[in-house]
């Protein structure tokens, strides 16, 4: 049996949690001394839950938890404590997914106690670390939503003000992510005589599908391009085909969106809503534009028009986005994450 155990969700399906766990698996930890257990296997075969408990009982080294659900994380920590005692909990590290664990803990005294007893919690935001500190949970470390940087140089992006401004939405297509606002934005840009093309990529939420498809039919310069398969195409190359990433999210669980990091590596600036930790990723007026949520449609429209009329501003933002990619280089955090294996 391998010395250490990593418990988390892995692809398929592709999503923020599974992509992050797969990246950590491939770039941080050595498969020779780490046993990776996919929690999705328990859904496919409930008997795998017994197999997981057996692994927890038998593992000699550290346990790493990369779990997307706070409730599931709590249950796993309770299982570890009940089967191995508090001492084994001290040999656990958590790779936090998203941005809600600290809020979950605020409402759950038992969870606070569990979190105080683990070796380390790796969070995506320094602001989240401050929230944990306020709860008396001091064992936090900063680990942003990293990526492997591209070897291709995507710096020096410019726009042609006489041509079509190419816009892209690259996320789950639902109202929580603000997908519906962009139809109104494009309507206003069309009225203002700004030539744009907006493309959507992502899974369409079932509850929004009919409305989304209806709006698509009425708008000639908006297209749905399907679900991007990063195993077959280069996401950075695809993003670099566009001028601006639009991210008008209002989703309560938004953490550090991977697409904002990927847009930096692709060398394109983003316009984002001032929501949760977006402004921590996109430094306003240096790497992109951060707009108020008070009137998202108007704010996004004005930001796009401003960029279209000021190509020198666009070049500054594109340069800033490209240069800031180094903050999210997975190689920079390898030593920090591997320290979580030291007992």
C-alpha atoms as a PDB file:
ATOM      1  CA  UNK A   1       0.000   0.000   0.000  1.00  0.00           C
ATOM      2  CA  UNK A   2       1.199   3.504  -0.866  1.00  0.00           C
ATOM      3  CA  UNK A   3       2.196   5.750   1.988  1.00  0.00           C
ATOM      4  CA  UNK A   4      -0.236   8.675   1.459  1.00  0.00           C
ATOM      5  CA  UNK A   5      -3.887   8.963   0.378  1.00  0.00           C
ATOM      6  CA  UNK A   6      -5.544  11.668  -1.750  1.00  0.00           C
ATOM      7  CA  UNK A   7      -9.360  11.697  -1.675  1.00  0.00           C
ATOM      8  CA  UNK A   8     -11.204  13.835  -4.212  1.00  0.00           C
ATOM      9  CA  UNK A   9     -13.311  14.007  -7.376  1.00  0.00           C
ATOM     10  CA  UNK A  10     -11.516  13.390 -10.684  1.00  0.00           C
ATOM     11  CA  UNK A  11     -12.598  13.602 -14.359  1.00  0.00           C
ATOM     12  CA  UNK A  12     -14.924  12.710 -15.872  1.00  0.00           C
ATOM     13  CA  UNK A  13     -16.910  14.917 -15.727  1.00  0.00           C
ATOM     14  CA  UNK A  14     -14.846  18.041 -16.395  1.00  0.00           C
ATOM     15  CA  UNK A  15     -15.455  20.855 -13.932  1.00  0.00           C
ATOM     16  CA  UNK A  16     -13.657  23.248 -11.617  1.00  0.00           C
ATOM     17  CA  UNK A  17     -13.096  20.668  -8.860  1.00  0.00           C
ATOM     18  CA  UNK A  18     -12.152  17.734 -11.100  1.00  0.00           C
ATOM     19  CA  UNK A  19      -9.802  19.835 -13.245  1.00  0.00           C
ATOM     20  CA  UNK A  20      -8.034  21.169 -10.160  1.00  0.00           C
ATOM     21  CA  UNK A  21      -7.634  17.700  -8.631  1.00  0.00           C
ATOM     22  CA  UNK A  22      -6.323  16.283 -11.906  1.00  0.00           C
ATOM     23  CA  UNK A  23      -3.790  19.112 -12.168  1.00  0.00           C
ATOM     24  CA  UNK A  24      -2.573  18.499  -8.610  1.00  0.00           C
ATOM     25  CA  UNK A  25      -2.376  14.776  -9.297  1.00  0.00           C
ATOM     26  CA  UNK A  26      -0.276  15.252 -12.429  1.00  0.00           C
ATOM     27  CA  UNK A  27       1.946  18.161 -11.376  1.00  0.00           C
ATOM     28  CA  UNK A  28       2.346  18.106  -7.587  1.00  0.00           C
ATOM     29  CA  UNK A  29       2.277  14.682  -6.018  1.00  0.00           C
ATOM     30  CA  UNK A  30       4.298  11.610  -6.897  1.00  0.00           C
ATOM     31  CA  UNK A  31       2.116   8.650  -7.874  1.00  0.00           C
ATOM     32  CA  UNK A  32       4.726   6.329  -6.343  1.00  0.00           C
ATOM     33  CA  UNK A  33       3.844   7.399  -2.811  1.00  0.00           C
ATOM     34  CA  UNK A  34       0.271   8.709  -3.266  1.00  0.00           C
ATOM     35  CA  UNK A  35      -2.875   6.605  -3.644  1.00  0.00           C
ATOM     36  CA  UNK A  36      -5.604   8.613  -5.451  1.00  0.00           C
ATOM     37  CA  UNK A  37      -9.218   7.743  -4.647  1.00  0.00           C
ATOM     38  CA  UNK A  38     -12.024   9.126  -6.856  1.00  0.00           C
ATOM     39  CA  UNK A  39     -15.156   9.868  -4.818  1.00  0.00           C
ATOM     40  CA  UNK A  40     -17.265   9.622  -7.969  1.00  0.00           C
ATOM     41  CA  UNK A  41     -16.511   5.897  -7.933  1.00  0.00           C
ATOM     42  CA  UNK A  42     -18.759   5.618  -4.853  1.00  0.00           C
ATOM     43  CA  UNK A  43     -21.705   6.855  -6.929  1.00  0.00           C
ATOM     44  CA  UNK A  44     -20.963   4.310  -9.643  1.00  0.00           C
ATOM     45  CA  UNK A  45     -20.551   1.502  -7.104  1.00  0.00           C
ATOM     46  CA  UNK A  46     -21.629   2.057  -3.448  1.00  0.00           C
ATOM     47  CA  UNK A  47     -19.311  -0.777  -2.366  1.00  0.00           C
ATOM     48  CA  UNK A  48     -16.406   1.551  -3.098  1.00  0.00           C
ATOM     49  CA  UNK A  49     -17.347   3.499   0.034  1.00  0.00           C
ATOM     50  CA  UNK A  50     -16.309   0.472   2.107  1.00  0.00           C
ATOM     51  CA  UNK A  51     -13.106   0.320   0.080  1.00  0.00           C
ATOM     52  CA  UNK A  52     -12.459   3.987   0.904  1.00  0.00           C
ATOM     53  CA  UNK A  53     -13.005   3.431   4.626  1.00  0.00           C
ATOM     54  CA  UNK A  54     -10.564   0.522   4.503  1.00  0.00           C
ATOM     55  CA  UNK A  55      -7.976   2.769   2.832  1.00  0.00           C
ATOM     56  CA  UNK A  56      -8.483   5.402   5.556  1.00  0.00           C
ATOM     57  CA  UNK A  57      -8.012   2.764   8.273  1.00  0.00           C
ATOM     58  CA  UNK A  58      -4.849   1.370   6.678  1.00  0.00           C
ATOM     59  CA  UNK A  59      -3.041   4.460   5.360  1.00  0.00           C
ATOM     60  CA  UNK A  60       0.221   5.114   7.203  1.00  0.00           C
ATOM     61  CA  UNK A  61       1.002   8.602   5.934  1.00  0.00           C
ATOM     62  CA  UNK A  62      -0.872  11.811   5.225  1.00  0.00           C
ATOM     63  CA  UNK A  63      -4.415  12.155   3.912  1.00  0.00           C
ATOM     64  CA  UNK A  64      -5.134  14.954   1.421  1.00  0.00           C
ATOM     65  CA  UNK A  65      -8.784  15.977   0.940  1.00  0.00           C
ATOM     66  CA  UNK A  66      -9.706  17.711  -2.325  1.00  0.00           C
ATOM     67  CA  UNK A  67     -13.496  17.644  -2.036  1.00  0.00           C
ATOM     68  CA  UNK A  68     -16.015  19.895  -3.769  1.00  0.00           C
ATOM     69  CA  UNK A  69     -18.872  19.595  -1.255  1.00  0.00           C
ATOM     70  CA  UNK A  70     -18.562  21.037   2.255  1.00  0.00           C
ATOM     71  CA  UNK A  71     -20.955  18.447   3.674  1.00  0.00           C
ATOM     72  CA  UNK A  72     -19.025  15.638   2.021  1.00  0.00           C
ATOM     73  CA  UNK A  73     -15.778  17.055   3.392  1.00  0.00           C
ATOM     74  CA  UNK A  74     -17.265  17.178   6.891  1.00  0.00           C
ATOM     75  CA  UNK A  75     -18.434  13.550   6.641  1.00  0.00           C
ATOM     76  CA  UNK A  76     -14.997  12.415   5.518  1.00  0.00           C
ATOM     77  CA  UNK A  77     -13.323  14.233   8.395  1.00  0.00           C
ATOM     78  CA  UNK A  78     -15.776  12.634  10.827  1.00  0.00           C
ATOM     79  CA  UNK A  79     -15.014   9.192   9.377  1.00  0.00           C
ATOM     80  CA  UNK A  80     -11.278   9.813   9.751  1.00  0.00           C
ATOM     81  CA  UNK A  81     -11.706  10.973  13.337  1.00  0.00           C
ATOM     82  CA  UNK A  82     -13.967   8.042  14.282  1.00  0.00           C
ATOM     83  CA  UNK A  83     -11.837   5.354  12.658  1.00  0.00           C
ATOM     84  CA  UNK A  84      -8.366   6.726  13.415  1.00  0.00           C
ATOM     85  CA  UNK A  85      -8.843   9.333  16.148  1.00  0.00           C
ATOM     86  CA  UNK A  86      -7.898  13.018  16.381  1.00  0.00           C
ATOM     87  CA  UNK A  87      -4.228  12.202  15.862  1.00  0.00           C
ATOM     88  CA  UNK A  88      -4.938  11.079  12.298  1.00  0.00           C
ATOM     89  CA  UNK A  89      -6.973  14.224  11.693  1.00  0.00           C
ATOM     90  CA  UNK A  90      -3.773  16.125  12.517  1.00  0.00           C
ATOM     91  CA  UNK A  91      -2.224  14.275   9.573  1.00  0.00           C
ATOM     92  CA  UNK A  92      -4.800  15.582   7.085  1.00  0.00           C
ATOM     93  CA  UNK A  93      -4.494  18.525   4.711  1.00  0.00           C
ATOM     94  CA  UNK A  94      -7.400  20.118   2.847  1.00  0.00           C
ATOM     95  CA  UNK A  95      -7.240  21.510  -0.683  1.00  0.00           C
ATOM     96  CA  UNK A  96     -10.157  23.922  -0.517  1.00  0.00           C
ATOM     97  CA  UNK A  97     -12.436  23.999  -3.558  1.00  0.00           C
ATOM     98  CA  UNK A  98     -14.410  27.168  -4.254  1.00  0.00           C
ATOM     99  CA  UNK A  99     -15.097  29.889  -1.723  1.00  0.00           C
ATOM    100  CA  UNK A 100     -17.747  28.702   0.759  1.00  0.00           C
ATOM    101  CA  UNK A 101     -15.981  26.497   3.324  1.00  0.00           C
ATOM    102  CA  UNK A 102     -15.323  29.397   5.715  1.00  0.00           C
ATOM    103  CA  UNK A 103     -18.999  30.454   5.504  1.00  0.00           C
ATOM    104  CA  UNK A 104     -20.097  26.863   6.102  1.00  0.00           C
ATOM    105  CA  UNK A 105     -17.851  26.767   9.180  1.00  0.00           C
ATOM    106  CA  UNK A 106     -19.358  29.999  10.548  1.00  0.00           C
ATOM    107  CA  UNK A 107     -22.681  28.174  10.855  1.00  0.00           C
ATOM    108  CA  UNK A 108     -21.207  24.915  12.138  1.00  0.00           C
ATOM    109  CA  UNK A 109     -19.327  24.766  15.443  1.00  0.00           C
ATOM    110  CA  UNK A 110     -18.396  21.110  14.909  1.00  0.00           C
ATOM    111  CA  UNK A 111     -16.846  21.954  11.541  1.00  0.00           C
ATOM    112  CA  UNK A 112     -14.745  24.696  13.132  1.00  0.00           C
ATOM    113  CA  UNK A 113     -13.406  22.161  15.625  1.00  0.00           C
ATOM    114  CA  UNK A 114     -12.564  19.697  12.845  1.00  0.00           C
ATOM    115  CA  UNK A 115     -10.826  22.342  10.731  1.00  0.00           C
ATOM    116  CA  UNK A 116      -8.738  23.566  13.651  1.00  0.00           C
ATOM    117  CA  UNK A 117      -7.361  20.061  14.048  1.00  0.00           C
ATOM    118  CA  UNK A 118      -6.150  19.410  10.498  1.00  0.00           C
ATOM    119  CA  UNK A 119      -2.549  20.026   9.535  1.00  0.00           C
ATOM    120  CA  UNK A 120      -3.204  22.573   6.779  1.00  0.00           C
ATOM    121  CA  UNK A 121      -5.962  24.182   4.699  1.00  0.00           C
ATOM    122  CA  UNK A 122      -4.889  25.413   1.263  1.00  0.00           C
ATOM    123  CA  UNK A 123      -7.251  28.171   0.098  1.00  0.00           C
ATOM    124  CA  UNK A 124      -7.591  30.036  -3.200  1.00  0.00           C
ATOM    125  CA  UNK A 125      -7.709  33.529  -1.675  1.00  0.00           C
ATOM    126  CA  UNK A 126      -5.882  35.517   0.966  1.00  0.00           C
ATOM    127  CA  UNK A 127      -9.243  37.083   1.860  1.00  0.00           C
ATOM    128  CA  UNK A 128     -10.555  33.595   2.653  1.00  0.00           C
ATOM    129  CA  UNK A 129      -7.541  33.048   4.914  1.00  0.00           C
ATOM    130  CA  UNK A 130      -8.492  36.193   6.833  1.00  0.00           C
ATOM    131  CA  UNK A 131     -12.032  34.841   7.290  1.00  0.00           C
ATOM    132  CA  UNK A 132     -10.626  31.604   8.725  1.00  0.00           C
ATOM    133  CA  UNK A 133      -8.340  33.554  11.050  1.00  0.00           C
ATOM    134  CA  UNK A 134     -11.403  35.330  12.463  1.00  0.00           C
ATOM    135  CA  UNK A 135     -12.814  31.889  13.358  1.00  0.00           C
ATOM    136  CA  UNK A 136      -9.624  30.943  15.160  1.00  0.00           C
ATOM    137  CA  UNK A 137      -8.555  28.641  12.321  1.00  0.00           C
ATOM    138  CA  UNK A 138      -4.935  29.623  11.773  1.00  0.00           C
ATOM    139  CA  UNK A 139      -3.552  26.659   9.814  1.00  0.00           C
ATOM    140  CA  UNK A 140      -4.275  28.191   6.386  1.00  0.00           C
ATOM    141  CA  UNK A 141      -2.007  28.558   3.363  1.00  0.00           C
ATOM    142  CA  UNK A 142      -2.487  30.363   0.057  1.00  0.00           C
ATOM    143  CA  UNK A 143      -2.799  28.176  -3.044  1.00  0.00           C
ATOM    144  CA  UNK A 144      -4.617  29.925  -5.919  1.00  0.00           C
ATOM    145  CA  UNK A 145      -6.444  28.203  -8.751  1.00  0.00           C
ATOM    146  CA  UNK A 146      -3.294  27.512 -10.753  1.00  0.00           C
ATOM    147  CA  UNK A 147      -2.603  26.275 -14.255  1.00  0.00           C
ATOM    148  CA  UNK A 148       0.314  24.995 -16.301  1.00  0.00           C
ATOM    149  CA  UNK A 149       1.599  27.992 -18.250  1.00  0.00           C
ATOM    150  CA  UNK A 150       1.690  27.779 -22.026  1.00  0.00           C
ATOM    151  CA  UNK A 151       5.016  27.741 -23.882  1.00  0.00           C
ATOM    152  CA  UNK A 152       3.416  29.950 -26.548  1.00  0.00           C
ATOM    153  CA  UNK A 153       3.975  33.695 -26.262  1.00  0.00           C
ATOM    154  CA  UNK A 154       0.532  35.309 -26.352  1.00  0.00           C
ATOM    155  CA  UNK A 155       1.735  38.787 -25.399  1.00  0.00           C
ATOM    156  CA  UNK A 156       1.173  41.881 -27.520  1.00  0.00           C
ATOM    157  CA  UNK A 157      -2.536  41.470 -28.240  1.00  0.00           C
ATOM    158  CA  UNK A 158      -4.121  44.464 -30.026  1.00  0.00           C
ATOM    159  CA  UNK A 159      -7.556  45.339 -31.419  1.00  0.00           C
ATOM    160  CA  UNK A 160      -8.661  46.808 -34.720  1.00  0.00           C
ATOM    161  CA  UNK A 161     -11.278  49.458 -33.948  1.00  0.00           C
ATOM    162  CA  UNK A 162     -12.519  49.315 -37.532  1.00  0.00           C
ATOM    163  CA  UNK A 163     -13.151  45.575 -37.329  1.00  0.00           C
ATOM    164  CA  UNK A 164     -15.397  43.276 -35.304  1.00  0.00           C
ATOM    165  CA  UNK A 165     -14.701  43.135 -31.563  1.00  0.00           C
ATOM    166  CA  UNK A 166     -14.680  39.444 -30.633  1.00  0.00           C
ATOM    167  CA  UNK A 167     -16.186  38.674 -27.220  1.00  0.00           C
ATOM    168  CA  UNK A 168     -16.343  35.345 -25.417  1.00  0.00           C
ATOM    169  CA  UNK A 169     -18.238  33.835 -22.475  1.00  0.00           C
ATOM    170  CA  UNK A 170     -16.506  30.645 -21.309  1.00  0.00           C
ATOM    171  CA  UNK A 171     -18.283  29.051 -18.358  1.00  0.00           C
ATOM    172  CA  UNK A 172     -21.414  27.195 -17.309  1.00  0.00           C
ATOM    173  CA  UNK A 173     -24.255  28.883 -19.177  1.00  0.00           C
ATOM    174  CA  UNK A 174     -26.763  29.813 -16.504  1.00  0.00           C
ATOM    175  CA  UNK A 175     -28.252  32.896 -14.884  1.00  0.00           C
ATOM    176  CA  UNK A 176     -26.067  32.548 -11.783  1.00  0.00           C
ATOM    177  CA  UNK A 177     -23.041  33.084 -14.020  1.00  0.00           C
ATOM    178  CA  UNK A 178     -24.749  36.084 -15.655  1.00  0.00           C
ATOM    179  CA  UNK A 179     -25.060  34.536 -19.108  1.00  0.00           C
ATOM    180  CA  UNK A 180     -28.467  36.172 -19.700  1.00  0.00           C
ATOM    181  CA  UNK A 181     -27.159  39.708 -19.158  1.00  0.00           C
ATOM    182  CA  UNK A 182     -24.932  39.548 -22.232  1.00  0.00           C
ATOM    183  CA  UNK A 183     -27.831  39.393 -24.690  1.00  0.00           C
ATOM    184  CA  UNK A 184     -28.920  42.812 -23.441  1.00  0.00           C
ATOM    185  CA  UNK A 185     -25.326  44.039 -23.576  1.00  0.00           C
ATOM    186  CA  UNK A 186     -25.004  43.018 -27.226  1.00  0.00           C
ATOM    187  CA  UNK A 187     -28.371  44.656 -27.995  1.00  0.00           C
ATOM    188  CA  UNK A 188     -27.065  47.930 -26.565  1.00  0.00           C
ATOM    189  CA  UNK A 189     -23.768  47.627 -28.451  1.00  0.00           C
ATOM    190  CA  UNK A 190     -25.676  47.027 -31.678  1.00  0.00           C
ATOM    191  CA  UNK A 191     -27.743  50.160 -30.999  1.00  0.00           C
ATOM    192  CA  UNK A 192     -24.528  52.110 -30.373  1.00  0.00           C
ATOM    193  CA  UNK A 193     -23.109  50.982 -33.719  1.00  0.00           C
ATOM    194  CA  UNK A 194     -20.310  48.917 -32.155  1.00  0.00           C
ATOM    195  CA  UNK A 195     -19.572  45.870 -34.299  1.00  0.00           C
ATOM    196  CA  UNK A 196     -19.218  42.802 -32.050  1.00  0.00           C
ATOM    197  CA  UNK A 197     -19.467  39.022 -32.143  1.00  0.00           C
ATOM    198  CA  UNK A 198     -20.176  37.156 -28.890  1.00  0.00           C
ATOM    199  CA  UNK A 199     -19.523  33.417 -28.612  1.00  0.00           C
ATOM    200  CA  UNK A 200     -20.671  31.201 -25.747  1.00  0.00           C
ATOM    201  CA  UNK A 201     -18.832  28.036 -24.666  1.00  0.00           C
ATOM    202  CA  UNK A 202     -20.040  25.760 -21.899  1.00  0.00           C
ATOM    203  CA  UNK A 203     -22.693  23.426 -20.565  1.00  0.00           C
ATOM    204  CA  UNK A 204     -26.174  24.959 -20.788  1.00  0.00           C
ATOM    205  CA  UNK A 205     -28.083  24.671 -17.507  1.00  0.00           C
ATOM    206  CA  UNK A 206     -31.331  22.763 -18.077  1.00  0.00           C
ATOM    207  CA  UNK A 207     -33.459  25.424 -16.346  1.00  0.00           C
ATOM    208  CA  UNK A 208     -32.071  28.127 -18.654  1.00  0.00           C
ATOM    209  CA  UNK A 209     -31.905  26.138 -21.910  1.00  0.00           C
ATOM    210  CA  UNK A 210     -35.199  27.255 -23.486  1.00  0.00           C
ATOM    211  CA  UNK A 211     -34.645  30.938 -22.750  1.00  0.00           C
ATOM    212  CA  UNK A 212     -31.043  30.793 -23.942  1.00  0.00           C
ATOM    213  CA  UNK A 213     -31.919  29.111 -27.220  1.00  0.00           C
ATOM    214  CA  UNK A 214     -34.776  31.561 -27.812  1.00  0.00           C
ATOM    215  CA  UNK A 215     -32.455  34.544 -27.313  1.00  0.00           C
ATOM    216  CA  UNK A 216     -29.883  32.972 -29.626  1.00  0.00           C
ATOM    217  CA  UNK A 217     -32.411  32.777 -32.444  1.00  0.00           C
ATOM    218  CA  UNK A 218     -33.231  36.490 -32.263  1.00  0.00           C
ATOM    219  CA  UNK A 219     -29.645  37.753 -32.138  1.00  0.00           C
ATOM    220  CA  UNK A 220     -27.543  37.368 -35.285  1.00  0.00           C
ATOM    221  CA  UNK A 221     -24.166  38.254 -33.786  1.00  0.00           C
ATOM    222  CA  UNK A 222     -24.309  35.827 -30.862  1.00  0.00           C
ATOM    223  CA  UNK A 223     -23.415  32.144 -31.285  1.00  0.00           C
ATOM    224  CA  UNK A 224     -23.210  29.024 -29.138  1.00  0.00           C
ATOM    225  CA  UNK A 225     -20.012  27.095 -29.854  1.00  0.00           C
ATOM    226  CA  UNK A 226     -20.683  24.056 -27.673  1.00  0.00           C
ATOM    227  CA  UNK A 227     -18.681  22.500 -24.842  1.00  0.00           C
ATOM    228  CA  UNK A 228     -14.962  23.056 -25.209  1.00  0.00           C
ATOM    229  CA  UNK A 229     -12.923  19.844 -24.973  1.00  0.00           C
ATOM    230  CA  UNK A 230      -9.531  20.779 -23.543  1.00  0.00           C
ATOM    231  CA  UNK A 231      -8.260  17.245 -24.152  1.00  0.00           C
ATOM    232  CA  UNK A 232      -8.549  17.808 -27.907  1.00  0.00           C
ATOM    233  CA  UNK A 233      -7.912  21.551 -28.260  1.00  0.00           C
ATOM    234  CA  UNK A 234      -5.646  24.137 -26.635  1.00  0.00           C
ATOM    235  CA  UNK A 235      -7.797  26.384 -24.454  1.00  0.00           C
ATOM    236  CA  UNK A 236      -5.216  29.198 -24.487  1.00  0.00           C
ATOM    237  CA  UNK A 237      -5.020  29.207 -28.266  1.00  0.00           C
ATOM    238  CA  UNK A 238      -8.811  29.277 -28.497  1.00  0.00           C
ATOM    239  CA  UNK A 239      -9.154  32.140 -25.999  1.00  0.00           C
ATOM    240  CA  UNK A 240      -6.469  34.129 -27.806  1.00  0.00           C
ATOM    241  CA  UNK A 241      -8.725  34.182 -30.874  1.00  0.00           C
ATOM    242  CA  UNK A 242     -10.932  36.615 -28.936  1.00  0.00           C
ATOM    243  CA  UNK A 243     -10.413  40.193 -27.780  1.00  0.00           C
ATOM    244  CA  UNK A 244     -12.249  40.162 -24.443  1.00  0.00           C
ATOM    245  CA  UNK A 245     -13.489  37.612 -21.933  1.00  0.00           C
ATOM    246  CA  UNK A 246     -16.820  38.580 -20.338  1.00  0.00           C
ATOM    247  CA  UNK A 247     -17.579  37.203 -16.875  1.00  0.00           C
ATOM    248  CA  UNK A 248     -20.689  38.804 -15.303  1.00  0.00           C
ATOM    249  CA  UNK A 249     -21.138  36.213 -12.541  1.00  0.00           C
ATOM    250  CA  UNK A 250     -23.269  36.696  -9.441  1.00  0.00           C
ATOM    251  CA  UNK A 251     -23.044  33.074  -8.278  1.00  0.00           C
ATOM    252  CA  UNK A 252     -22.824  32.903  -4.483  1.00  0.00           C
ATOM    253  CA  UNK A 253     -20.312  30.025  -4.582  1.00  0.00           C
ATOM    254  CA  UNK A 254     -17.875  31.673  -6.993  1.00  0.00           C
ATOM    255  CA  UNK A 255     -14.284  31.139  -5.899  1.00  0.00           C
ATOM    256  CA  UNK A 256     -11.249  31.874  -8.049  1.00  0.00           C
ATOM    257  CA  UNK A 257     -12.628  31.132 -11.531  1.00  0.00           C
ATOM    258  CA  UNK A 258     -10.216  29.065 -13.590  1.00  0.00           C
ATOM    259  CA  UNK A 259     -11.297  30.825 -16.772  1.00  0.00           C
ATOM    260  CA  UNK A 260      -9.986  34.155 -15.436  1.00  0.00           C
ATOM    261  CA  UNK A 261      -6.587  32.552 -14.925  1.00  0.00           C
ATOM    262  CA  UNK A 262      -6.701  30.940 -18.363  1.00  0.00           C
ATOM    263  CA  UNK A 263      -7.555  34.247 -20.033  1.00  0.00           C
ATOM    264  CA  UNK A 264      -4.379  35.738 -18.527  1.00  0.00           C
ATOM    265  CA  UNK A 265      -2.258  32.937 -19.958  1.00  0.00           C
ATOM    266  CA  UNK A 266      -3.989  33.533 -23.307  1.00  0.00           C
ATOM    267  CA  UNK A 267      -3.070  37.220 -23.150  1.00  0.00           C
ATOM    268  CA  UNK A 268      -6.589  38.670 -23.278  1.00  0.00           C
ATOM    269  CA  UNK A 269      -8.115  41.049 -20.723  1.00  0.00           C
ATOM    270  CA  UNK A 270     -11.363  40.266 -18.920  1.00  0.00           C
ATOM    271  CA  UNK A 271     -14.336  42.382 -17.931  1.00  0.00           C
ATOM    272  CA  UNK A 272     -15.718  40.959 -14.686  1.00  0.00           C
ATOM    273  CA  UNK A 273     -18.414  41.746 -12.143  1.00  0.00           C
ATOM    274  CA  UNK A 274     -17.276  43.015  -8.755  1.00  0.00           C
ATOM    275  CA  UNK A 275     -18.288  39.809  -7.028  1.00  0.00           C
ATOM    276  CA  UNK A 276     -16.632  37.602  -4.402  1.00  0.00           C
ATOM    277  CA  UNK A 277     -12.933  37.345  -5.347  1.00  0.00           C
ATOM    278  CA  UNK A 278     -12.975  38.484  -8.988  1.00  0.00           C
ATOM    279  CA  UNK A 279     -11.102  41.691  -8.188  1.00  0.00           C
ATOM    280  CA  UNK A 280      -8.389  39.688  -6.422  1.00  0.00           C
ATOM    281  CA  UNK A 281      -7.740  37.839  -9.695  1.00  0.00           C
ATOM    282  CA  UNK A 282      -8.275  40.720 -12.117  1.00  0.00           C
ATOM    283  CA  UNK A 283      -6.573  43.853 -10.824  1.00  0.00           C
ATOM    284  CA  UNK A 284      -8.841  46.673 -11.919  1.00  0.00           C
ATOM    285  CA  UNK A 285      -7.614  48.920 -14.757  1.00  0.00           C
ATOM    286  CA  UNK A 286      -4.318  47.027 -14.879  1.00  0.00           C
ATOM    287  CA  UNK A 287      -5.260  43.529 -16.077  1.00  0.00           C
ATOM    288  CA  UNK A 288      -8.908  44.050 -16.983  1.00  0.00           C
ATOM    289  CA  UNK A 289     -11.992  45.954 -15.918  1.00  0.00           C
ATOM    290  CA  UNK A 290     -14.011  45.268 -12.770  1.00  0.00           C
ATOM    291  CA  UNK A 291     -17.564  46.647 -12.927  1.00  0.00           C
ATOM    292  CA  UNK A 292     -20.325  47.169 -10.399  1.00  0.00           C
ATOM    293  CA  UNK A 293     -23.090  44.602  -9.951  1.00  0.00           C
ATOM    294  CA  UNK A 294     -25.629  47.370  -9.392  1.00  0.00           C
ATOM    295  CA  UNK A 295     -26.404  47.507 -13.129  1.00  0.00           C
ATOM    296  CA  UNK A 296     -24.441  44.782 -14.860  1.00  0.00           C
ATOM    297  CA  UNK A 297     -25.867  45.366 -18.327  1.00  0.00           C
ATOM    298  CA  UNK A 298     -25.067  49.065 -18.358  1.00  0.00           C
ATOM    299  CA  UNK A 299     -21.669  48.606 -16.683  1.00  0.00           C
ATOM    300  CA  UNK A 300     -20.522  45.942 -19.142  1.00  0.00           C
ATOM    301  CA  UNK A 301     -21.820  47.937 -22.107  1.00  0.00           C
ATOM    302  CA  UNK A 302     -19.955  51.080 -21.032  1.00  0.00           C
ATOM    303  CA  UNK A 303     -16.736  49.135 -20.367  1.00  0.00           C
ATOM    304  CA  UNK A 304     -16.789  47.522 -23.823  1.00  0.00           C
ATOM    305  CA  UNK A 305     -17.500  50.828 -25.568  1.00  0.00           C
ATOM    306  CA  UNK A 306     -14.676  52.476 -23.628  1.00  0.00           C
ATOM    307  CA  UNK A 307     -12.191  49.783 -24.641  1.00  0.00           C
ATOM    308  CA  UNK A 308     -13.371  49.914 -28.255  1.00  0.00           C
ATOM    309  CA  UNK A 309     -12.760  53.665 -28.382  1.00  0.00           C
ATOM    310  CA  UNK A 310      -9.391  53.483 -26.618  1.00  0.00           C
ATOM    311  CA  UNK A 311      -7.173  50.823 -28.267  1.00  0.00           C
ATOM    312  CA  UNK A 312      -4.179  52.035 -26.248  1.00  0.00           C
ATOM    313  CA  UNK A 313      -6.118  51.186 -23.081  1.00  0.00           C
ATOM    314  CA  UNK A 314      -6.827  47.720 -24.478  1.00  0.00           C
ATOM    315  CA  UNK A 315      -3.124  47.133 -25.175  1.00  0.00           C
ATOM    316  CA  UNK A 316      -2.253  48.158 -21.609  1.00  0.00           C
ATOM    317  CA  UNK A 317      -4.830  45.751 -20.145  1.00  0.00           C
ATOM    318  CA  UNK A 318      -3.783  42.899 -22.433  1.00  0.00           C
ATOM    319  CA  UNK A 319      -0.147  43.406 -21.442  1.00  0.00           C
ATOM    320  CA  UNK A 320      -1.088  43.486 -17.755  1.00  0.00           C
ATOM    321  CA  UNK A 321      -3.185  40.333 -18.061  1.00  0.00           C
ATOM    322  CA  UNK A 322      -0.345  38.480 -19.787  1.00  0.00           C
ATOM    323  CA  UNK A 323       2.283  39.586 -17.284  1.00  0.00           C
ATOM    324  CA  UNK A 324       0.099  38.630 -14.308  1.00  0.00           C
ATOM    325  CA  UNK A 325      -0.134  34.994 -15.444  1.00  0.00           C
ATOM    326  CA  UNK A 326       2.958  34.142 -13.387  1.00  0.00           C
ATOM    327  CA  UNK A 327       0.925  34.534 -10.171  1.00  0.00           C
ATOM    328  CA  UNK A 328      -0.893  31.334 -11.147  1.00  0.00           C
ATOM    329  CA  UNK A 329       1.977  29.124 -12.289  1.00  0.00           C
ATOM    330  CA  UNK A 330       1.473  25.700 -10.676  1.00  0.00           C
ATOM    331  CA  UNK A 331       5.252  25.210 -10.435  1.00  0.00           C
ATOM    332  CA  UNK A 332       5.514  28.102  -7.957  1.00  0.00           C
ATOM    333  CA  UNK A 333       3.376  26.257  -5.392  1.00  0.00           C
ATOM    334  CA  UNK A 334       4.764  22.732  -5.627  1.00  0.00           C
ATOM    335  CA  UNK A 335       6.996  23.023  -2.554  1.00  0.00           C
ATOM    336  CA  UNK A 336       4.202  24.570  -0.494  1.00  0.00           C
ATOM    337  CA  UNK A 337       1.727  21.826  -1.362  1.00  0.00           C
ATOM    338  CA  UNK A 338       4.205  19.003  -0.857  1.00  0.00           C
ATOM    339  CA  UNK A 339       4.886  20.365   2.625  1.00  0.00           C
ATOM    340  CA  UNK A 340       1.388  19.136   3.432  1.00  0.00           C
ATOM    341  CA  UNK A 341       2.759  15.586   3.261  1.00  0.00           C
ATOM    342  CA  UNK A 342       5.269  16.111   6.029  1.00  0.00           C
ATOM    343  CA  UNK A 343       3.967  14.586   9.238  1.00  0.00           C
END
